[in-house]
Amino acid sequence: AKEATKTATKTATDTAKSLKTTADKTLLGDFQSEQQKFADELERKKMASQTAVAAVAPWIGYQEED
């Protein structure tokens, strides 16, 4: 009976560790995916703003631009 209890405890502990590892990987993977989406969006906005600035005529902003 003692050996069966020891085996059951080890199996339960191993299962718990496995479930925790799987949950951590899933949560970490989800976080990293969302973080990458955010970084990509920031880069896209940065590129769009640079493009918009580059599209302005060179005489815009001078006193006699008309």
PDB file of N, CA and C in Angstrom:
ATOM      1  N   ALA A   1       0.823  -1.188   0.000  1.00  0.00           N
ATOM      2  CA  ALA A   1       0.000   0.000   0.000  1.00  0.00           C
ATOM      3  C   ALA A   1       0.872   1.258   0.000  1.00  0.00           C
ATOM      4  N   LYS A   2       1.978   1.156   0.724  1.00  0.00           N
ATOM      5  CA  LYS A   2       2.878   2.297   0.803  1.00  0.00           C
ATOM      6  C   LYS A   2       3.478   2.601  -0.568  1.00  0.00           C
ATOM      7  N   GLU A   3       3.847   1.560  -1.298  1.00  0.00           N
ATOM      8  CA  GLU A   3       4.437   1.721  -2.634  1.00  0.00           C
ATOM      9  C   GLU A   3       3.407   2.293  -3.618  1.00  0.00           C
ATOM     10  N   ALA A   4       2.151   1.853  -3.508  1.00  0.00           N
ATOM     11  CA  ALA A   4       1.090   2.353  -4.381  1.00  0.00           C
ATOM     12  C   ALA A   4       0.836   3.834  -4.116  1.00  0.00           C
ATOM     13  N   THR A   5       0.851   4.238  -2.878  1.00  0.00           N
ATOM     14  CA  THR A   5       0.654   5.644  -2.517  1.00  0.00           C
ATOM     15  C   THR A   5       1.805   6.485  -3.054  1.00  0.00           C
ATOM     16  N   LYS A   6       3.017   5.969  -2.920  1.00  0.00           N
ATOM     17  CA  LYS A   6       4.195   6.685  -3.417  1.00  0.00           C
ATOM     18  C   LYS A   6       4.124   6.851  -4.936  1.00  0.00           C
ATOM     19  N   THR A   7       3.714   5.788  -5.652  1.00  0.00           N
ATOM     20  CA  THR A   7       3.590   5.841  -7.112  1.00  0.00           C
ATOM     21  C   THR A   7       2.483   6.808  -7.527  1.00  0.00           C
ATOM     22  N   ALA A   8       1.357   6.765  -6.824  1.00  0.00           N
ATOM     23  CA  ALA A   8       0.239   7.657  -7.139  1.00  0.00           C
ATOM     24  C   ALA A   8       0.623   9.115  -6.902  1.00  0.00           C
ATOM     25  N   THR A   9       1.353   9.371  -5.840  1.00  0.00           N
ATOM     26  CA  THR A   9       1.796  10.724  -5.540  1.00  0.00           C
ATOM     27  C   THR A   9       2.753  11.234  -6.612  1.00  0.00           C
ATOM     28  N   LYS A  10       3.694  10.373  -7.033  1.00  0.00           N
ATOM     29  CA  LYS A  10       4.638  10.760  -8.073  1.00  0.00           C
ATOM     30  C   LYS A  10       3.907  11.025  -9.383  1.00  0.00           C
ATOM     31  N   THR A  11       2.956  10.187  -9.737  1.00  0.00           N
ATOM     32  CA  THR A  11       2.188  10.371 -10.969  1.00  0.00           C
ATOM     33  C   THR A  11       1.396  11.674 -10.913  1.00  0.00           C
ATOM     34  N   ALA A  12       0.764  11.952  -9.797  1.00  0.00           N
ATOM     35  CA  ALA A  12      -0.009  13.185  -9.645  1.00  0.00           C
ATOM     36  C   ALA A  12       0.908  14.403  -9.727  1.00  0.00           C
ATOM     37  N   THR A  13       2.067  14.313  -9.103  1.00  0.00           N
ATOM     38  CA  THR A  13       3.021  15.429  -9.140  1.00  0.00           C
ATOM     39  C   THR A  13       3.514  15.663 -10.561  1.00  0.00           C
ATOM     40  N   ASP A  14       3.857  14.581 -11.267  1.00  0.00           N
ATOM     41  CA  ASP A  14       4.320  14.706 -12.656  1.00  0.00           C
ATOM     42  C   ASP A  14       3.233  15.301 -13.546  1.00  0.00           C
ATOM     43  N   THR A  15       2.001  14.866 -13.351  1.00  0.00           N
ATOM     44  CA  THR A  15       0.882  15.384 -14.141  1.00  0.00           C
ATOM     45  C   THR A  15       0.681  16.876 -13.869  1.00  0.00           C
ATOM     46  N   ALA A  16       0.763  17.262 -12.609  1.00  0.00           N
ATOM     47  CA  ALA A  16       0.601  18.674 -12.249  1.00  0.00           C
ATOM     48  C   ALA A  16       1.704  19.522 -12.880  1.00  0.00           C
ATOM     49  N   LYS A  17       2.932  19.035 -12.854  1.00  0.00           N
ATOM     50  CA  LYS A  17       4.048  19.769 -13.464  1.00  0.00           C
ATOM     51  C   LYS A  17       3.835  19.899 -14.969  1.00  0.00           C
ATOM     52  N   SER A  18       3.370  18.820 -15.581  1.00  0.00           N
ATOM     53  CA  SER A  18       3.123  18.840 -17.021  1.00  0.00           C
ATOM     54  C   SER A  18       2.031  19.834 -17.383  1.00  0.00           C
ATOM     55  N   LEU A  19       0.955  19.848 -16.626  1.00  0.00           N
ATOM     56  CA  LEU A  19      -0.140  20.788 -16.871  1.00  0.00           C
ATOM     57  C   LEU A  19       0.315  22.233 -16.668  1.00  0.00           C
ATOM     58  N   LYS A  20       1.130  22.466 -15.643  1.00  0.00           N
ATOM     59  CA  LYS A  20       1.632  23.809 -15.388  1.00  0.00           C
ATOM     60  C   LYS A  20       2.523  24.263 -16.542  1.00  0.00           C
ATOM     61  N   THR A  21       3.384  23.393 -17.020  1.00  0.00           N
ATOM     62  CA  THR A  21       4.267  23.727 -18.131  1.00  0.00           C
ATOM     63  C   THR A  21       3.466  24.046 -19.380  1.00  0.00           C
ATOM     64  N   THR A  22       2.444  23.255 -19.667  1.00  0.00           N
ATOM     65  CA  THR A  22       1.592  23.490 -20.826  1.00  0.00           C
ATOM     66  C   THR A  22       0.861  24.821 -20.691  1.00  0.00           C
ATOM     67  N   ALA A  23       0.326  25.103 -19.512  1.00  0.00           N
ATOM     68  CA  ALA A  23      -0.385  26.371 -19.288  1.00  0.00           C
ATOM     69  C   ALA A  23       0.570  27.547 -19.434  1.00  0.00           C
ATOM     70  N   ASP A  24       1.763  27.424 -18.885  1.00  0.00           N
ATOM     71  CA  ASP A  24       2.750  28.505 -18.994  1.00  0.00           C
ATOM     72  C   ASP A  24       3.108  28.753 -20.449  1.00  0.00           C
ATOM     73  N   LYS A  25       3.316  27.699 -21.205  1.00  0.00           N
ATOM     74  CA  LYS A  25       3.670  27.856 -22.616  1.00  0.00           C
ATOM     75  C   LYS A  25       2.539  28.523 -23.384  1.00  0.00           C
ATOM     76  N   THR A  26       1.315  28.151 -23.101  1.00  0.00           N
ATOM     77  CA  THR A  26       0.164  28.718 -23.787  1.00  0.00           C
ATOM     78  C   THR A  26       0.017  30.200 -23.443  1.00  0.00           C
ATOM     79  N   LEU A  27       0.078  30.533 -22.168  1.00  0.00           N
ATOM     80  CA  LEU A  27      -0.053  31.924 -21.753  1.00  0.00           C
ATOM     81  C   LEU A  27       1.113  32.758 -22.273  1.00  0.00           C
ATOM     82  N   LEU A  28       2.308  32.211 -22.182  1.00  0.00           N
ATOM     83  CA  LEU A  28       3.483  32.932 -22.667  1.00  0.00           C
ATOM     84  C   LEU A  28       3.409  33.102 -24.178  1.00  0.00           C
ATOM     85  N   GLY A  29       2.972  32.062 -24.871  1.00  0.00           N
ATOM     86  CA  GLY A  29       2.827  32.149 -26.320  1.00  0.00           C
ATOM     87  C   GLY A  29       1.802  33.194 -26.722  1.00  0.00           C
ATOM     88  N   ASP A  30       0.684  33.229 -26.022  1.00  0.00           N
ATOM     89  CA  ASP A  30      -0.350  34.231 -26.295  1.00  0.00           C
ATOM     90  C   ASP A  30       0.184  35.641 -26.052  1.00  0.00           C
ATOM     91  N   PHE A  31       0.908  35.821 -24.957  1.00  0.00           N
ATOM     92  CA  PHE A  31       1.467  37.129 -24.640  1.00  0.00           C
ATOM     93  C   PHE A  31       2.462  37.566 -25.711  1.00  0.00           C
ATOM     94  N   GLN A  32       3.352  36.662 -26.098  1.00  0.00           N
ATOM     95  CA  GLN A  32       4.354  37.003 -27.100  1.00  0.00           C
ATOM     96  C   GLN A  32       3.703  37.322 -28.441  1.00  0.00           C
ATOM     97  N   SER A  33       2.656  36.597 -28.786  1.00  0.00           N
ATOM     98  CA  SER A  33       1.940  36.857 -30.031  1.00  0.00           C
ATOM     99  C   SER A  33       1.309  38.248 -30.012  1.00  0.00           C
ATOM    100  N   GLU A  34       0.656  38.595 -28.926  1.00  0.00           N
ATOM    101  CA  GLU A  34       0.035  39.919 -28.801  1.00  0.00           C
ATOM    102  C   GLU A  34       1.100  41.020 -28.782  1.00  0.00           C
ATOM    103  N   GLN A  35       2.214  40.748 -28.123  1.00  0.00           N
ATOM    104  CA  GLN A  35       3.301  41.724 -28.075  1.00  0.00           C
ATOM    105  C   GLN A  35       3.861  41.968 -29.480  1.00  0.00           C
ATOM    106  N   GLN A  36       3.985  40.898 -30.271  1.00  0.00           N
ATOM    107  CA  GLN A  36       4.491  41.040 -31.639  1.00  0.00           C
ATOM    108  C   GLN A  36       3.505  41.817 -32.509  1.00  0.00           C
ATOM    109  N   LYS A  37       2.209  41.557 -32.337  1.00  0.00           N
ATOM    110  CA  LYS A  37       1.190  42.311 -33.080  1.00  0.00           C
ATOM    111  C   LYS A  37       1.289  43.804 -32.758  1.00  0.00           C
ATOM    112  N   PHE A  38       1.469  44.116 -31.471  1.00  0.00           N
ATOM    113  CA  PHE A  38       1.583  45.507 -31.033  1.00  0.00           C
ATOM    114  C   PHE A  38       2.821  46.164 -31.642  1.00  0.00           C
ATOM    115  N   ALA A  39       3.947  45.465 -31.609  1.00  0.00           N
ATOM    116  CA  ALA A  39       5.184  46.006 -32.169  1.00  0.00           C
ATOM    117  C   ALA A  39       5.038  46.218 -33.679  1.00  0.00           C
ATOM    118  N   ASP A  40       4.388  45.276 -34.365  1.00  0.00           N
ATOM    119  CA  ASP A  40       4.165  45.412 -35.810  1.00  0.00           C
ATOM    120  C   ASP A  40       3.278  46.624 -36.112  1.00  0.00           C
ATOM    121  N   GLU A  41       2.256  46.827 -35.306  1.00  0.00           N
ATOM    122  CA  GLU A  41       1.350  47.966 -35.491  1.00  0.00           C
ATOM    123  C   GLU A  41       2.089  49.289 -35.274  1.00  0.00           C
ATOM    124  N   LEU A  42       2.925  49.339 -34.245  1.00  0.00           N
ATOM    125  CA  LEU A  42       3.717  50.553 -34.008  1.00  0.00           C
ATOM    126  C   LEU A  42       4.644  50.834 -35.186  1.00  0.00           C
ATOM    127  N   GLU A  43       5.273  49.810 -35.716  1.00  0.00           N
ATOM    128  CA  GLU A  43       6.176  49.974 -36.859  1.00  0.00           C
ATOM    129  C   GLU A  43       5.398  50.433 -38.090  1.00  0.00           C
ATOM    130  N   ARG A  44       4.203  49.868 -38.289  1.00  0.00           N
ATOM    131  CA  ARG A  44       3.374  50.266 -39.430  1.00  0.00           C
ATOM    132  C   ARG A  44       2.971  51.738 -39.315  1.00  0.00           C
ATOM    133  N   LYS A  45       2.589  52.158 -38.108  1.00  0.00           N
ATOM    134  CA  LYS A  45       2.211  53.564 -37.896  1.00  0.00           C
ATOM    135  C   LYS A  45       3.405  54.486 -38.098  1.00  0.00           C
ATOM    136  N   LYS A  46       4.563  54.057 -37.640  1.00  0.00           N
ATOM    137  CA  LYS A  46       5.772  54.863 -37.805  1.00  0.00           C
ATOM    138  C   LYS A  46       6.094  55.037 -39.288  1.00  0.00           C
ATOM    139  N   MET A  47       6.012  53.956 -40.048  1.00  0.00           N
ATOM    140  CA  MET A  47       6.294  54.011 -41.482  1.00  0.00           C
ATOM    141  C   MET A  47       5.254  54.883 -42.197  1.00  0.00           C
ATOM    142  N   ALA A  48       3.987  54.786 -41.792  1.00  0.00           N
ATOM    143  CA  ALA A  48       2.929  55.579 -42.414  1.00  0.00           C
ATOM    144  C   ALA A  48       3.144  57.067 -42.146  1.00  0.00           C
ATOM    145  N   SER A  49       3.569  57.401 -40.934  1.00  0.00           N
ATOM    146  CA  SER A  49       3.788  58.810 -40.622  1.00  0.00           C
ATOM    147  C   SER A  49       5.001  59.356 -41.376  1.00  0.00           C
ATOM    148  N   GLN A  50       6.025  58.553 -41.565  1.00  0.00           N
ATOM    149  CA  GLN A  50       7.199  58.982 -42.324  1.00  0.00           C
ATOM    150  C   GLN A  50       6.842  59.178 -43.794  1.00  0.00           C
ATOM    151  N   THR A  51       6.001  58.304 -44.315  1.00  0.00           N
ATOM    152  CA  THR A  51       5.565  58.405 -45.702  1.00  0.00           C
ATOM    153  C   THR A  51       4.730  59.668 -45.893  1.00  0.00           C
ATOM    154  N   ALA A  52       3.861  59.949 -44.933  1.00  0.00           N
ATOM    155  CA  ALA A  52       3.012  61.144 -45.028  1.00  0.00           C
ATOM    156  C   ALA A  52       3.860  62.408 -45.017  1.00  0.00           C
ATOM    157  N   VAL A  53       4.871  62.452 -44.213  1.00  0.00           N
ATOM    158  CA  VAL A  53       5.746  63.620 -44.151  1.00  0.00           C
ATOM    159  C   VAL A  53       6.516  63.755 -45.456  1.00  0.00           C
ATOM    160  N   ALA A  54       6.974  62.657 -46.003  1.00  0.00           N
ATOM    161  CA  ALA A  54       7.755  62.677 -47.236  1.00  0.00           C
ATOM    162  C   ALA A  54       6.895  63.102 -48.427  1.00  0.00           C
ATOM    163  N   ALA A  55       5.569  62.968 -48.331  1.00  0.00           N
ATOM    164  CA  ALA A  55       4.684  63.287 -49.442  1.00  0.00           C
ATOM    165  C   ALA A  55       4.339  64.784 -49.511  1.00  0.00           C
ATOM    166  N   VAL A  56       4.750  65.577 -48.536  1.00  0.00           N
ATOM    167  CA  VAL A  56       4.455  67.007 -48.512  1.00  0.00           C
ATOM    168  C   VAL A  56       5.410  67.714 -49.479  1.00  0.00           C
ATOM    169  N   ALA A  57       4.852  68.648 -50.244  1.00  0.00           N
ATOM    170  CA  ALA A  57       5.662  69.405 -51.201  1.00  0.00           C
ATOM    171  C   ALA A  57       6.743  70.186 -50.460  1.00  0.00           C
ATOM    172  N   PRO A  58       7.912  70.325 -51.049  1.00  0.00           N
ATOM    173  CA  PRO A  58       9.029  70.986 -50.358  1.00  0.00           C
ATOM    174  C   PRO A  58       8.786  72.463 -50.061  1.00  0.00           C
ATOM    175  N   TRP A  59       7.886  73.133 -50.769  1.00  0.00           N
ATOM    176  CA  TRP A  59       7.652  74.559 -50.534  1.00  0.00           C
ATOM    177  C   TRP A  59       6.603  74.821 -49.457  1.00  0.00           C
ATOM    178  N   ILE A  60       5.967  73.785 -48.942  1.00  0.00           N
ATOM    179  CA  ILE A  60       4.944  73.956 -47.903  1.00  0.00           C
ATOM    180  C   ILE A  60       5.616  74.489 -46.636  1.00  0.00           C
ATOM    181  N   GLY A  61       5.036  75.548 -46.086  1.00  0.00           N
ATOM    182  CA  GLY A  61       5.529  76.125 -44.846  1.00  0.00           C
ATOM    183  C   GLY A  61       6.350  77.376 -45.050  1.00  0.00           C
ATOM    184  N   TYR A  62       6.747  77.690 -46.267  1.00  0.00           N
ATOM    185  CA  TYR A  62       7.491  78.922 -46.522  1.00  0.00           C
ATOM    186  C   TYR A  62       6.519  80.100 -46.610  1.00  0.00           C
ATOM    187  N   GLN A  63       7.011  81.298 -46.400  1.00  0.00           N
ATOM    188  CA  GLN A  63       6.151  82.491 -46.391  1.00  0.00           C
ATOM    189  C   GLN A  63       5.388  82.659 -47.695  1.00  0.00           C
ATOM    190  N   GLU A  64       6.014  82.491 -48.797  1.00  0.00           N
ATOM    191  CA  GLU A  64       5.366  82.728 -50.086  1.00  0.00           C
ATOM    192  C   GLU A  64       5.075  81.411 -50.815  1.00  0.00           C
ATOM    193  N   GLU A  65       4.463  80.483 -50.126  1.00  0.00           N
ATOM    194  CA  GLU A  65       4.229  79.196 -50.745  1.00  0.00           C
ATOM    195  C   GLU A  65       3.196  79.231 -51.858  1.00  0.00           C
ATOM    196  N   ASP A  66       2.326  80.244 -51.894  1.00  0.00           N
ATOM    197  CA  ASP A  66       1.344  80.343 -52.950  1.00  0.00           C
ATOM    198  C   ASP A  66       2.052  80.676 -54.247  1.00  0.00           C
TER     199      ASP A  66
END
